Amino acid sequence: MIIQLLSDSLTVVGSFGAIYSGYSWWMQRRRTKQLDQPITLRISDQASDETLHTLDIRLPRRSVTRSEALGLLGMLPTLGNKRFSCAYVQTQDFVNQLDAIYEGRSSVLTFPFTADEFDVFAI
C-alpha cells in the first residue's frame, strides 16, 4: 500500500518535472532566436529625427553593448583626423534604448546627432 502510494506520487512528480523541463527548453530556444536577430544602427538628426545615415551592419541583438555600438560608429570615415562625439550616449535615454533592444522591444538603435556632431563624418 505505501509502496504503491510512493510509486504513484513519484510518477506525478516526474511528470511535472518533464513538463517543466520541456517548457524551460522551449523558452530558452525562443530567447536564443530573439538574441540572434539583427538590429539596425541609425544616425538621425537630433532636431528633426530625420534619418541621416543607416549603417549596413548586421549586428546580432546579443552583441549590442555601448562599447560595441560606439566602436562601430568609430569605424565610420571622418573628415581629417577628427574624432566623433555624441552627447546622447551619456544620457539615461541611451541606456533605456539599449535595454529595449536587448529585451526585444526594439530592433533599431538610434544615435541622434546635432549638426555639429554629424559634420565630423565623411558620409
PDB file of N, CA and C in Angstrom:
ATOM      1  N   MET A   1       0.822  -1.189   0.000  1.00  0.00           N
ATOM      2  CA  MET A   1       0.000   0.000   0.000  1.00  0.00           C
ATOM      3  C   MET A   1       0.875   1.266   0.000  1.00  0.00           C
ATOM      4  N   ILE A   2       1.835   1.358   0.892  1.00  0.00           N
ATOM      5  CA  ILE A   2       2.697   2.535   0.982  1.00  0.00           C
ATOM      6  C   ILE A   2       3.602   2.602  -0.242  1.00  0.00           C
ATOM      7  N   ILE A   3       4.080   1.466  -0.683  1.00  0.00           N
ATOM      8  CA  ILE A   3       4.955   1.447  -1.856  1.00  0.00           C
ATOM      9  C   ILE A   3       4.188   1.886  -3.094  1.00  0.00           C
ATOM     10  N   GLN A   4       2.941   1.468  -3.204  1.00  0.00           N
ATOM     11  CA  GLN A   4       2.105   1.869  -4.344  1.00  0.00           C
ATOM     12  C   GLN A   4       1.854   3.381  -4.313  1.00  0.00           C
ATOM     13  N   LEU A   5       1.556   3.925  -3.141  1.00  0.00           N
ATOM     14  CA  LEU A   5       1.320   5.367  -2.984  1.00  0.00           C
ATOM     15  C   LEU A   5       2.597   6.149  -3.319  1.00  0.00           C
ATOM     16  N   LEU A   6       3.734   5.671  -2.853  1.00  0.00           N
ATOM     17  CA  LEU A   6       5.011   6.314  -3.151  1.00  0.00           C
ATOM     18  C   LEU A   6       5.308   6.264  -4.649  1.00  0.00           C
ATOM     19  N   SER A   7       5.038   5.141  -5.267  1.00  0.00           N
ATOM     20  CA  SER A   7       5.261   4.991  -6.705  1.00  0.00           C
ATOM     21  C   SER A   7       4.378   5.950  -7.506  1.00  0.00           C
ATOM     22  N   ASP A   8       3.121   6.064  -7.132  1.00  0.00           N
ATOM     23  CA  ASP A   8       2.196   6.971  -7.830  1.00  0.00           C
ATOM     24  C   ASP A   8       2.610   8.428  -7.654  1.00  0.00           C
ATOM     25  N   SER A   9       3.015   8.811  -6.436  1.00  0.00           N
ATOM     26  CA  SER A   9       3.409  10.202  -6.208  1.00  0.00           C
ATOM     27  C   SER A   9       4.696  10.535  -6.964  1.00  0.00           C
ATOM     28  N   LEU A  10       5.634   9.584  -7.040  1.00  0.00           N
ATOM     29  CA  LEU A  10       6.852   9.827  -7.802  1.00  0.00           C
ATOM     30  C   LEU A  10       6.578   9.930  -9.298  1.00  0.00           C
ATOM     31  N   THR A  11       5.596   9.207  -9.773  1.00  0.00           N
ATOM     32  CA  THR A  11       5.195   9.322 -11.181  1.00  0.00           C
ATOM     33  C   THR A  11       4.647  10.712 -11.470  1.00  0.00           C
ATOM     34  N   VAL A  12       3.833  11.229 -10.566  1.00  0.00           N
ATOM     35  CA  VAL A  12       3.270  12.581 -10.733  1.00  0.00           C
ATOM     36  C   VAL A  12       4.379  13.626 -10.692  1.00  0.00           C
ATOM     37  N   VAL A  13       5.282  13.508  -9.716  1.00  0.00           N
ATOM     38  CA  VAL A  13       6.390  14.467  -9.597  1.00  0.00           C
ATOM     39  C   VAL A  13       7.283  14.394 -10.832  1.00  0.00           C
ATOM     40  N   GLY A  14       7.579  13.209 -11.305  1.00  0.00           N
ATOM     41  CA  GLY A  14       8.390  13.049 -12.511  1.00  0.00           C
ATOM     42  C   GLY A  14       7.720  13.637 -13.733  1.00  0.00           C
ATOM     43  N   SER A  15       6.411  13.487 -13.835  1.00  0.00           N
ATOM     44  CA  SER A  15       5.668  14.059 -14.967  1.00  0.00           C
ATOM     45  C   SER A  15       5.744  15.582 -14.942  1.00  0.00           C
ATOM     46  N   PHE A  16       5.544  16.180 -13.770  1.00  0.00           N
ATOM     47  CA  PHE A  16       5.652  17.638 -13.667  1.00  0.00           C
ATOM     48  C   PHE A  16       7.073  18.099 -13.991  1.00  0.00           C
ATOM     49  N   GLY A  17       8.062  17.344 -13.564  1.00  0.00           N
ATOM     50  CA  GLY A  17       9.450  17.683 -13.871  1.00  0.00           C
ATOM     51  C   GLY A  17       9.720  17.647 -15.365  1.00  0.00           C
ATOM     52  N   ALA A  18       9.169  16.654 -16.046  1.00  0.00           N
ATOM     53  CA  ALA A  18       9.348  16.552 -17.503  1.00  0.00           C
ATOM     54  C   ALA A  18       8.662  17.705 -18.222  1.00  0.00           C
ATOM     55  N   ILE A  19       7.471  18.070 -17.771  1.00  0.00           N
ATOM     56  CA  ILE A  19       6.744  19.187 -18.389  1.00  0.00           C
ATOM     57  C   ILE A  19       7.507  20.493 -18.166  1.00  0.00           C
ATOM     58  N   TYR A  20       7.993  20.717 -16.946  1.00  0.00           N
ATOM     59  CA  TYR A  20       8.750  21.929 -16.644  1.00  0.00           C
ATOM     60  C   TYR A  20      10.048  21.977 -17.459  1.00  0.00           C
ATOM     61  N   SER A  21      10.704  20.857 -17.587  1.00  0.00           N
ATOM     62  CA  SER A  21      11.939  20.793 -18.367  1.00  0.00           C
ATOM     63  C   SER A  21      11.674  21.130 -19.833  1.00  0.00           C
ATOM     64  N   GLY A  22      10.616  20.585 -20.396  1.00  0.00           N
ATOM     65  CA  GLY A  22      10.252  20.895 -21.782  1.00  0.00           C
ATOM     66  C   GLY A  22       9.920  22.362 -21.966  1.00  0.00           C
ATOM     67  N   TYR A  23       9.177  22.933 -21.016  1.00  0.00           N
ATOM     68  CA  TYR A  23       8.827  24.346 -21.088  1.00  0.00           C
ATOM     69  C   TYR A  23      10.082  25.221 -21.002  1.00  0.00           C
ATOM     70  N   SER A  24      10.995  24.891 -20.104  1.00  0.00           N
ATOM     71  CA  SER A  24      12.241  25.660 -19.969  1.00  0.00           C
ATOM     72  C   SER A  24      13.071  25.587 -21.241  1.00  0.00           C
ATOM     73  N   TRP A  25      13.151  24.420 -21.850  1.00  0.00           N
ATOM     74  CA  TRP A  25      13.884  24.252 -23.106  1.00  0.00           C
ATOM     75  C   TRP A  25      13.268  25.125 -24.195  1.00  0.00           C
ATOM     76  N   TRP A  26      11.943  25.118 -24.288  1.00  0.00           N
ATOM     77  CA  TRP A  26      11.246  25.902 -25.311  1.00  0.00           C
ATOM     78  C   TRP A  26      11.486  27.402 -25.101  1.00  0.00           C
ATOM     79  N   MET A  27      11.412  27.881 -23.854  1.00  0.00           N
ATOM     80  CA  MET A  27      11.633  29.303 -23.571  1.00  0.00           C
ATOM     81  C   MET A  27      13.081  29.705 -23.882  1.00  0.00           C
ATOM     82  N   GLN A  28      14.031  28.857 -23.552  1.00  0.00           N
ATOM     83  CA  GLN A  28      15.433  29.162 -23.834  1.00  0.00           C
ATOM     84  C   GLN A  28      15.686  29.208 -25.333  1.00  0.00           C
ATOM     85  N   ARG A  29      15.086  28.295 -26.064  1.00  0.00           N
ATOM     86  CA  ARG A  29      15.241  28.285 -27.522  1.00  0.00           C
ATOM     87  C   ARG A  29      14.643  29.546 -28.137  1.00  0.00           C
ATOM     88  N   ARG A  30      13.490  29.959 -27.637  1.00  0.00           N
ATOM     89  CA  ARG A  30      12.842  31.181 -28.126  1.00  0.00           C
ATOM     90  C   ARG A  30      13.711  32.410 -27.833  1.00  0.00           C
ATOM     91  N   ARG A  31      14.281  32.465 -26.646  1.00  0.00           N
ATOM     92  CA  ARG A  31      15.128  33.598 -26.260  1.00  0.00           C
ATOM     93  C   ARG A  31      16.407  33.630 -27.107  1.00  0.00           C
ATOM     94  N   THR A  32      16.974  32.466 -27.398  1.00  0.00           N
ATOM     95  CA  THR A  32      18.181  32.399 -28.223  1.00  0.00           C
ATOM     96  C   THR A  32      17.902  32.905 -29.631  1.00  0.00           C
ATOM     97  N   LYS A  33      16.768  32.533 -30.197  1.00  0.00           N
ATOM     98  CA  LYS A  33      16.401  33.030 -31.527  1.00  0.00           C
ATOM     99  C   LYS A  33      16.244  34.542 -31.507  1.00  0.00           C
ATOM    100  N   GLN A  34      15.652  35.057 -30.439  1.00  0.00           N
ATOM    101  CA  GLN A  34      15.451  36.501 -30.326  1.00  0.00           C
ATOM    102  C   GLN A  34      16.796  37.220 -30.237  1.00  0.00           C
ATOM    103  N   LEU A  35      17.746  36.662 -29.499  1.00  0.00           N
ATOM    104  CA  LEU A  35      19.055  37.302 -29.346  1.00  0.00           C
ATOM    105  C   LEU A  35      19.885  37.244 -30.619  1.00  0.00           C
ATOM    106  N   ASP A  36      19.575  36.328 -31.518  1.00  0.00           N
ATOM    107  CA  ASP A  36      20.307  36.217 -32.781  1.00  0.00           C
ATOM    108  C   ASP A  36      19.754  37.131 -33.870  1.00  0.00           C
ATOM    109  N   GLN A  37      18.607  37.774 -33.632  1.00  0.00           N
ATOM    110  CA  GLN A  37      18.031  38.666 -34.631  1.00  0.00           C
ATOM    111  C   GLN A  37      18.920  39.893 -34.808  1.00  0.00           C
ATOM    112  N   PRO A  38      19.105  40.321 -36.056  1.00  0.00           N
ATOM    113  CA  PRO A  38      19.951  41.507 -36.273  1.00  0.00           C
ATOM    114  C   PRO A  38      19.207  42.791 -35.925  1.00  0.00           C
ATOM    115  N   ILE A  39      19.974  43.787 -35.553  1.00  0.00           N
ATOM    116  CA  ILE A  39      19.404  45.102 -35.290  1.00  0.00           C
ATOM    117  C   ILE A  39      19.996  46.094 -36.282  1.00  0.00           C
ATOM    118  N   THR A  40      19.357  47.237 -36.388  1.00  0.00           N
ATOM    119  CA  THR A  40      19.779  48.290 -37.301  1.00  0.00           C
ATOM    120  C   THR A  40      20.332  49.452 -36.491  1.00  0.00           C
ATOM    121  N   LEU A  41      21.456  49.993 -36.933  1.00  0.00           N
ATOM    122  CA  LEU A  41      22.013  51.194 -36.313  1.00  0.00           C
ATOM    123  C   LEU A  41      21.683  52.379 -37.209  1.00  0.00           C
ATOM    124  N   ARG A  42      21.091  53.389 -36.625  1.00  0.00           N
ATOM    125  CA  ARG A  42      20.621  54.542 -37.393  1.00  0.00           C
ATOM    126  C   ARG A  42      21.171  55.822 -36.780  1.00  0.00           C
ATOM    127  N   ILE A  43      21.658  56.715 -37.645  1.00  0.00           N
ATOM    128  CA  ILE A  43      22.097  58.043 -37.214  1.00  0.00           C
ATOM    129  C   ILE A  43      21.020  59.020 -37.657  1.00  0.00           C
ATOM    130  N   SER A  44      20.529  59.796 -36.718  1.00  0.00           N
ATOM    131  CA  SER A  44      19.461  60.732 -37.054  1.00  0.00           C
ATOM    132  C   SER A  44      19.832  62.145 -36.619  1.00  0.00           C
ATOM    133  N   ASP A  45      19.084  63.096 -37.167  1.00  0.00           N
ATOM    134  CA  ASP A  45      19.241  64.499 -36.780  1.00  0.00           C
ATOM    135  C   ASP A  45      18.505  64.697 -35.460  1.00  0.00           C
ATOM    136  N   GLN A  46      19.189  65.237 -34.476  1.00  0.00           N
ATOM    137  CA  GLN A  46      18.599  65.390 -33.155  1.00  0.00           C
ATOM    138  C   GLN A  46      17.391  66.324 -33.176  1.00  0.00           C
ATOM    139  N   ALA A  47      17.421  67.341 -34.016  1.00  0.00           N
ATOM    140  CA  ALA A  47      16.336  68.316 -34.039  1.00  0.00           C
ATOM    141  C   ALA A  47      15.081  67.776 -34.732  1.00  0.00           C
ATOM    142  N   SER A  48      15.247  67.090 -35.861  1.00  0.00           N
ATOM    143  CA  SER A  48      14.081  66.677 -36.638  1.00  0.00           C
ATOM    144  C   SER A  48      13.805  65.177 -36.621  1.00  0.00           C
ATOM    145  N   ASP A  49      14.685  64.380 -36.061  1.00  0.00           N
ATOM    146  CA  ASP A  49      14.596  62.915 -36.040  1.00  0.00           C
ATOM    147  C   ASP A  49      14.610  62.317 -37.447  1.00  0.00           C
ATOM    148  N   GLU A  50      15.096  63.090 -38.409  1.00  0.00           N
ATOM    149  CA  GLU A  50      15.246  62.605 -39.784  1.00  0.00           C
ATOM    150  C   GLU A  50      16.464  61.691 -39.854  1.00  0.00           C
ATOM    151  N   THR A  51      16.336  60.571 -40.566  1.00  0.00           N
ATOM    152  CA  THR A  51      17.450  59.651 -40.702  1.00  0.00           C
ATOM    153  C   THR A  51      18.514  60.255 -41.602  1.00  0.00           C
ATOM    154  N   LEU A  52      19.727  60.373 -41.058  1.00  0.00           N
ATOM    155  CA  LEU A  52      20.835  60.911 -41.828  1.00  0.00           C
ATOM    156  C   LEU A  52      21.656  59.792 -42.470  1.00  0.00           C
ATOM    157  N   HIS A  53      21.756  58.668 -41.776  1.00  0.00           N
ATOM    158  CA  HIS A  53      22.539  57.538 -42.293  1.00  0.00           C
ATOM    159  C   HIS A  53      22.118  56.270 -41.558  1.00  0.00           C
ATOM    160  N   THR A  54      22.046  55.177 -42.281  1.00  0.00           N
ATOM    161  CA  THR A  54      21.783  53.867 -41.680  1.00  0.00           C
ATOM    162  C   THR A  54      22.992  52.985 -41.941  1.00  0.00           C
ATOM    163  N   LEU A  55      23.519  52.392 -40.899  1.00  0.00           N
ATOM    164  CA  LEU A  55      24.696  51.544 -41.050  1.00  0.00           C
ATOM    165  C   LEU A  55      24.276  50.173 -41.561  1.00  0.00           C
ATOM    166  N   ASP A  56      24.944  49.709 -42.601  1.00  0.00           N
ATOM    167  CA  ASP A  56      24.639  48.408 -43.188  1.00  0.00           C
ATOM    168  C   ASP A  56      25.439  47.317 -42.481  1.00  0.00           C
ATOM    169  N   ILE A  57      25.203  47.179 -41.206  1.00  0.00           N
ATOM    170  CA  ILE A  57      25.908  46.193 -40.393  1.00  0.00           C
ATOM    171  C   ILE A  57      24.862  45.316 -39.729  1.00  0.00           C
ATOM    172  N   ARG A  58      25.020  44.017 -39.856  1.00  0.00           N
ATOM    173  CA  ARG A  58      24.092  43.072 -39.252  1.00  0.00           C
ATOM    174  C   ARG A  58      24.638  42.660 -37.886  1.00  0.00           C
ATOM    175  N   LEU A  59      24.310  43.442 -36.884  1.00  0.00           N
ATOM    176  CA  LEU A  59      24.772  43.209 -35.523  1.00  0.00           C
ATOM    177  C   LEU A  59      23.712  42.411 -34.769  1.00  0.00           C
ATOM    178  N   PRO A  60      24.051  41.226 -34.260  1.00  0.00           N
ATOM    179  CA  PRO A  60      23.052  40.457 -33.509  1.00  0.00           C
ATOM    180  C   PRO A  60      22.677  41.166 -32.212  1.00  0.00           C
ATOM    181  N   ARG A  61      21.439  40.993 -31.822  1.00  0.00           N
ATOM    182  CA  ARG A  61      20.913  41.642 -30.627  1.00  0.00           C
ATOM    183  C   ARG A  61      21.779  41.332 -29.392  1.00  0.00           C
ATOM    184  N   ARG A  62      22.302  40.122 -29.306  1.00  0.00           N
ATOM    185  CA  ARG A  62      23.095  39.737 -28.136  1.00  0.00           C
ATOM    186  C   ARG A  62      24.396  40.527 -28.048  1.00  0.00           C
ATOM    187  N   SER A  63      24.859  41.106 -29.158  1.00  0.00           N
ATOM    188  CA  SER A  63      26.131  41.841 -29.170  1.00  0.00           C
ATOM    189  C   SER A  63      25.963  43.328 -28.950  1.00  0.00           C
ATOM    190  N   VAL A  64      24.753  43.778 -28.744  1.00  0.00           N
ATOM    191  CA  VAL A  64      24.523  45.215 -28.604  1.00  0.00           C
ATOM    192  C   VAL A  64      24.920  45.663 -27.205  1.00  0.00           C
ATOM    193  N   THR A  65      26.046  46.339 -27.155  1.00  0.00           N
ATOM    194  CA  THR A  65      26.502  46.975 -25.922  1.00  0.00           C
ATOM    195  C   THR A  65      26.914  48.399 -26.273  1.00  0.00           C
ATOM    196  N   ARG A  66      27.099  49.201 -25.278  1.00  0.00           N
ATOM    197  CA  ARG A  66      27.506  50.592 -25.504  1.00  0.00           C
ATOM    198  C   ARG A  66      28.848  50.626 -26.231  1.00  0.00           C
ATOM    199  N   SER A  67      29.789  49.828 -25.792  1.00  0.00           N
ATOM    200  CA  SER A  67      31.117  49.853 -26.402  1.00  0.00           C
ATOM    201  C   SER A  67      31.095  49.329 -27.835  1.00  0.00           C
ATOM    202  N   GLU A  68      30.304  48.301 -28.098  1.00  0.00           N
ATOM    203  CA  GLU A  68      30.219  47.759 -29.459  1.00  0.00           C
ATOM    204  C   GLU A  68      29.609  48.798 -30.406  1.00  0.00           C
ATOM    205  N   ALA A  69      28.549  49.451 -29.965  1.00  0.00           N
ATOM    206  CA  ALA A  69      27.896  50.458 -30.806  1.00  0.00           C
ATOM    207  C   ALA A  69      28.822  51.643 -31.071  1.00  0.00           C
ATOM    208  N   LEU A  70      29.519  52.103 -30.046  1.00  0.00           N
ATOM    209  CA  LEU A  70      30.437  53.223 -30.241  1.00  0.00           C
ATOM    210  C   LEU A  70      31.628  52.813 -31.097  1.00  0.00           C
ATOM    211  N   GLY A  71      32.057  51.577 -30.987  1.00  0.00           N
ATOM    212  CA  GLY A  71      33.140  51.079 -31.836  1.00  0.00           C
ATOM    213  C   GLY A  71      32.732  51.066 -33.304  1.00  0.00           C
ATOM    214  N   LEU A  72      31.502  50.683 -33.578  1.00  0.00           N
ATOM    215  CA  LEU A  72      31.019  50.694 -34.962  1.00  0.00           C
ATOM    216  C   LEU A  72      30.932  52.117 -35.505  1.00  0.00           C
ATOM    217  N   LEU A  73      30.481  53.050 -34.657  1.00  0.00           N
ATOM    218  CA  LEU A  73      30.450  54.453 -35.085  1.00  0.00           C
ATOM    219  C   LEU A  73      31.866  54.971 -35.314  1.00  0.00           C
ATOM    220  N   GLY A  74      32.804  54.530 -34.497  1.00  0.00           N
ATOM    221  CA  GLY A  74      34.189  54.967 -34.643  1.00  0.00           C
ATOM    222  C   GLY A  74      34.844  54.467 -35.914  1.00  0.00           C
ATOM    223  N   MET A  75      34.290  53.436 -36.534  1.00  0.00           N
ATOM    224  CA  MET A  75      34.844  52.907 -37.785  1.00  0.00           C
ATOM    225  C   MET A  75      34.358  53.680 -39.007  1.00  0.00           C
ATOM    226  N   LEU A  76      33.375  54.563 -38.816  1.00  0.00           N
ATOM    227  CA  LEU A  76      32.902  55.374 -39.944  1.00  0.00           C
ATOM    228  C   LEU A  76      33.980  56.379 -40.338  1.00  0.00           C
ATOM    229  N   PRO A  77      34.079  56.667 -41.621  1.00  0.00           N
ATOM    230  CA  PRO A  77      35.095  57.637 -42.057  1.00  0.00           C
ATOM    231  C   PRO A  77      34.791  59.046 -41.537  1.00  0.00           C
ATOM    232  N   THR A  78      35.843  59.721 -41.112  1.00  0.00           N
ATOM    233  CA  THR A  78      35.690  61.095 -40.632  1.00  0.00           C
ATOM    234  C   THR A  78      36.516  62.030 -41.506  1.00  0.00           C
ATOM    235  N   LEU A  79      36.251  63.297 -41.383  1.00  0.00           N
ATOM    236  CA  LEU A  79      36.996  64.308 -42.126  1.00  0.00           C
ATOM    237  C   LEU A  79      38.306  64.584 -41.404  1.00  0.00           C
ATOM    238  N   GLY A  80      39.392  64.337 -42.053  1.00  0.00           N
ATOM    239  CA  GLY A  80      40.698  64.559 -41.430  1.00  0.00           C
ATOM    240  C   GLY A  80      40.942  63.554 -40.321  1.00  0.00           C
ATOM    241  N   ASN A  81      41.588  64.000 -39.275  1.00  0.00           N
ATOM    242  CA  ASN A  81      41.877  63.142 -38.131  1.00  0.00           C
ATOM    243  C   ASN A  81      40.953  63.446 -36.964  1.00  0.00           C
ATOM    244  N   LYS A  82      39.777  63.938 -37.253  1.00  0.00           N
ATOM    245  CA  LYS A  82      38.839  64.308 -36.199  1.00  0.00           C
ATOM    246  C   LYS A  82      38.222  63.071 -35.568  1.00  0.00           C
ATOM    247  N   ARG A  83      37.855  63.209 -34.317  1.00  0.00           N
ATOM    248  CA  ARG A  83      37.143  62.139 -33.609  1.00  0.00           C
ATOM    249  C   ARG A  83      35.711  62.586 -33.424  1.00  0.00           C
ATOM    250  N   PHE A  84      34.802  61.628 -33.481  1.00  0.00           N
ATOM    251  CA  PHE A  84      33.401  61.989 -33.299  1.00  0.00           C
ATOM    252  C   PHE A  84      33.062  62.060 -31.812  1.00  0.00           C
ATOM    253  N   SER A  85      32.026  62.787 -31.513  1.00  0.00           N
ATOM    254  CA  SER A  85      31.474  62.795 -30.161  1.00  0.00           C
ATOM    255  C   SER A  85      29.956  62.833 -30.287  1.00  0.00           C
ATOM    256  N   CYS A  86      29.295  62.227 -29.340  1.00  0.00           N
ATOM    257  CA  CYS A  86      27.837  62.188 -29.334  1.00  0.00           C
ATOM    258  C   CYS A  86      27.392  62.308 -27.882  1.00  0.00           C
ATOM    259  N   ALA A  87      26.841  63.451 -27.537  1.00  0.00           N
ATOM    260  CA  ALA A  87      26.426  63.698 -26.157  1.00  0.00           C
ATOM    261  C   ALA A  87      25.304  62.753 -25.730  1.00  0.00           C
ATOM    262  N   TYR A  88      24.552  62.245 -26.687  1.00  0.00           N
ATOM    263  CA  TYR A  88      23.404  61.387 -26.385  1.00  0.00           C
ATOM    264  C   TYR A  88      23.808  60.098 -25.670  1.00  0.00           C
ATOM    265  N   VAL A  89      24.981  59.568 -25.965  1.00  0.00           N
ATOM    266  CA  VAL A  89      25.374  58.287 -25.369  1.00  0.00           C
ATOM    267  C   VAL A  89      25.659  58.404 -23.878  1.00  0.00           C
ATOM    268  N   GLN A  90      25.670  59.596 -23.346  1.00  0.00           N
ATOM    269  CA  GLN A  90      25.898  59.796 -21.916  1.00  0.00           C
ATOM    270  C   GLN A  90      24.598  60.019 -21.157  1.00  0.00           C
ATOM    271  N   THR A  91      23.470  59.789 -21.815  1.00  0.00           N
ATOM    272  CA  THR A  91      22.178  60.034 -21.183  1.00  0.00           C
ATOM    273  C   THR A  91      21.502  58.722 -20.779  1.00  0.00           C
ATOM    274  N   GLN A  92      20.532  58.839 -19.907  1.00  0.00           N
ATOM    275  CA  GLN A  92      19.759  57.669 -19.483  1.00  0.00           C
ATOM    276  C   GLN A  92      18.893  57.152 -20.632  1.00  0.00           C
ATOM    277  N   ASP A  93      18.486  58.030 -21.551  1.00  0.00           N
ATOM    278  CA  ASP A  93      17.693  57.594 -22.705  1.00  0.00           C
ATOM    279  C   ASP A  93      18.451  56.575 -23.552  1.00  0.00           C
ATOM    280  N   PHE A  94      19.748  56.761 -23.700  1.00  0.00           N
ATOM    281  CA  PHE A  94      20.553  55.813 -24.464  1.00  0.00           C
ATOM    282  C   PHE A  94      20.590  54.453 -23.772  1.00  0.00           C
ATOM    283  N   VAL A  95      20.760  54.457 -22.459  1.00  0.00           N
ATOM    284  CA  VAL A  95      20.768  53.211 -21.695  1.00  0.00           C
ATOM    285  C   VAL A  95      19.412  52.519 -21.803  1.00  0.00           C
ATOM    286  N   ASN A  96      18.333  53.298 -21.732  1.00  0.00           N
ATOM    287  CA  ASN A  96      16.989  52.727 -21.875  1.00  0.00           C
ATOM    288  C   ASN A  96      16.794  52.128 -23.266  1.00  0.00           C
ATOM    289  N   GLN A  97      17.358  52.778 -24.273  1.00  0.00           N
ATOM    290  CA  GLN A  97      17.258  52.270 -25.644  1.00  0.00           C
ATOM    291  C   GLN A  97      18.010  50.936 -25.783  1.00  0.00           C
ATOM    292  N   LEU A  98      19.181  50.837 -25.166  1.00  0.00           N
ATOM    293  CA  LEU A  98      19.931  49.578 -25.174  1.00  0.00           C
ATOM    294  C   LEU A  98      19.156  48.473 -24.461  1.00  0.00           C
ATOM    295  N   ASP A  99      18.532  48.809 -23.334  1.00  0.00           N
ATOM    296  CA  ASP A  99      17.719  47.822 -22.616  1.00  0.00           C
ATOM    297  C   ASP A  99      16.547  47.344 -23.464  1.00  0.00           C
ATOM    298  N   ALA A 100      15.897  48.270 -24.167  1.00  0.00           N
ATOM    299  CA  ALA A 100      14.760  47.909 -25.016  1.00  0.00           C
ATOM    300  C   ALA A 100      15.197  46.973 -26.137  1.00  0.00           C
ATOM    301  N   ILE A 101      16.366  47.198 -26.683  1.00  0.00           N
ATOM    302  CA  ILE A 101      16.873  46.329 -27.748  1.00  0.00           C
ATOM    303  C   ILE A 101      17.200  44.954 -27.191  1.00  0.00           C
ATOM    304  N   TYR A 102      17.870  44.912 -26.078  1.00  0.00           N
ATOM    305  CA  TYR A 102      18.261  43.622 -25.503  1.00  0.00           C
ATOM    306  C   TYR A 102      17.043  42.801 -25.074  1.00  0.00           C
ATOM    307  N   GLU A 103      16.005  43.485 -24.595  1.00  0.00           N
ATOM    308  CA  GLU A 103      14.797  42.792 -24.156  1.00  0.00           C
ATOM    309  C   GLU A 103      13.854  42.468 -25.305  1.00  0.00           C
ATOM    310  N   GLY A 104      14.165  42.932 -26.514  1.00  0.00           N
ATOM    311  CA  GLY A 104      13.349  42.599 -27.672  1.00  0.00           C
ATOM    312  C   GLY A 104      12.207  43.559 -27.954  1.00  0.00           C
ATOM    313  N   ARG A 105      12.158  44.695 -27.283  1.00  0.00           N
ATOM    314  CA  ARG A 105      11.090  45.665 -27.515  1.00  0.00           C
ATOM    315  C   ARG A 105      11.385  46.607 -28.666  1.00  0.00           C
ATOM    316  N   SER A 106      12.622  46.577 -29.173  1.00  0.00           N
ATOM    317  CA  SER A 106      13.024  47.437 -30.279  1.00  0.00           C
ATOM    318  C   SER A 106      14.090  46.719 -31.089  1.00  0.00           C
ATOM    319  N   SER A 107      14.204  47.094 -32.355  1.00  0.00           N
ATOM    320  CA  SER A 107      15.247  46.482 -33.191  1.00  0.00           C
ATOM    321  C   SER A 107      16.071  47.539 -33.922  1.00  0.00           C
ATOM    322  N   VAL A 108      15.932  48.800 -33.498  1.00  0.00           N
ATOM    323  CA  VAL A 108      16.691  49.893 -34.112  1.00  0.00           C
ATOM    324  C   VAL A 108      17.382  50.684 -33.006  1.00  0.00           C
ATOM    325  N   LEU A 109      18.698  50.820 -33.136  1.00  0.00           N
ATOM    326  CA  LEU A 109      19.478  51.640 -32.208  1.00  0.00           C
ATOM    327  C   LEU A 109      19.749  52.964 -32.896  1.00  0.00           C
ATOM    328  N   THR A 110      19.193  54.035 -32.360  1.00  0.00           N
ATOM    329  CA  THR A 110      19.279  55.352 -32.975  1.00  0.00           C
ATOM    330  C   THR A 110      20.249  56.242 -32.209  1.00  0.00           C
ATOM    331  N   PHE A 111      21.118  56.891 -32.969  1.00  0.00           N
ATOM    332  CA  PHE A 111      22.043  57.874 -32.411  1.00  0.00           C
ATOM    333  C   PHE A 111      21.640  59.244 -32.927  1.00  0.00           C
ATOM    334  N   PRO A 112      20.982  60.072 -32.116  1.00  0.00           N
ATOM    335  CA  PRO A 112      20.654  61.422 -32.562  1.00  0.00           C
ATOM    336  C   PRO A 112      21.857  62.357 -32.409  1.00  0.00           C
ATOM    337  N   PHE A 113      22.360  62.828 -33.536  1.00  0.00           N
ATOM    338  CA  PHE A 113      23.498  63.741 -33.549  1.00  0.00           C
ATOM    339  C   PHE A 113      23.009  65.162 -33.808  1.00  0.00           C
ATOM    340  N   THR A 114      23.682  66.128 -33.202  1.00  0.00           N
ATOM    341  CA  THR A 114      23.446  67.519 -33.576  1.00  0.00           C
ATOM    342  C   THR A 114      24.156  67.753 -34.900  1.00  0.00           C
ATOM    343  N   ALA A 115      23.879  68.869 -35.539  1.00  0.00           N
ATOM    344  CA  ALA A 115      24.509  69.170 -36.831  1.00  0.00           C
ATOM    345  C   ALA A 115      26.030  69.256 -36.680  1.00  0.00           C
ATOM    346  N   ASP A 116      26.503  69.866 -35.604  1.00  0.00           N
ATOM    347  CA  ASP A 116      27.950  69.983 -35.381  1.00  0.00           C
ATOM    348  C   ASP A 116      28.594  68.618 -35.157  1.00  0.00           C
ATOM    349  N   GLU A 117      27.926  67.749 -34.419  1.00  0.00           N
ATOM    350  CA  GLU A 117      28.472  66.414 -34.160  1.00  0.00           C
ATOM    351  C   GLU A 117      28.522  65.575 -35.443  1.00  0.00           C
ATOM    352  N   PHE A 118      27.516  65.719 -36.296  1.00  0.00           N
ATOM    353  CA  PHE A 118      27.439  64.917 -37.514  1.00  0.00           C
ATOM    354  C   PHE A 118      28.419  65.408 -38.587  1.00  0.00           C
ATOM    355  N   ASP A 119      28.764  66.679 -38.565  1.00  0.00           N
ATOM    356  CA  ASP A 119      29.649  67.238 -39.582  1.00  0.00           C
ATOM    357  C   ASP A 119      31.056  66.636 -39.547  1.00  0.00           C
ATOM    358  N   VAL A 120      31.400  65.900 -38.505  1.00  0.00           N
ATOM    359  CA  VAL A 120      32.713  65.255 -38.398  1.00  0.00           C
ATOM    360  C   VAL A 120      32.821  64.096 -39.379  1.00  0.00           C
ATOM    361  N   PHE A 121      31.689  63.449 -39.673  1.00  0.00           N
ATOM    362  CA  PHE A 121      31.701  62.264 -40.514  1.00  0.00           C
ATOM    363  C   PHE A 121      31.769  62.605 -41.997  1.00  0.00           C
ATOM    364  N   ALA A 122      32.441  61.769 -42.756  1.00  0.00           N
ATOM    365  CA  ALA A 122      32.554  61.941 -44.205  1.00  0.00           C
ATOM    366  C   ALA A 122      31.603  60.975 -44.903  1.00  0.00           C
ATOM    367  N   ILE A 123      30.343  61.024 -44.520  1.00  0.00           N
ATOM    368  CA  ILE A 123      29.313  60.162 -45.138  1.00  0.00           C
ATOM    369  C   ILE A 123      28.182  60.982 -45.671  1.00  0.00           C
TER     370      ILE A 123
END
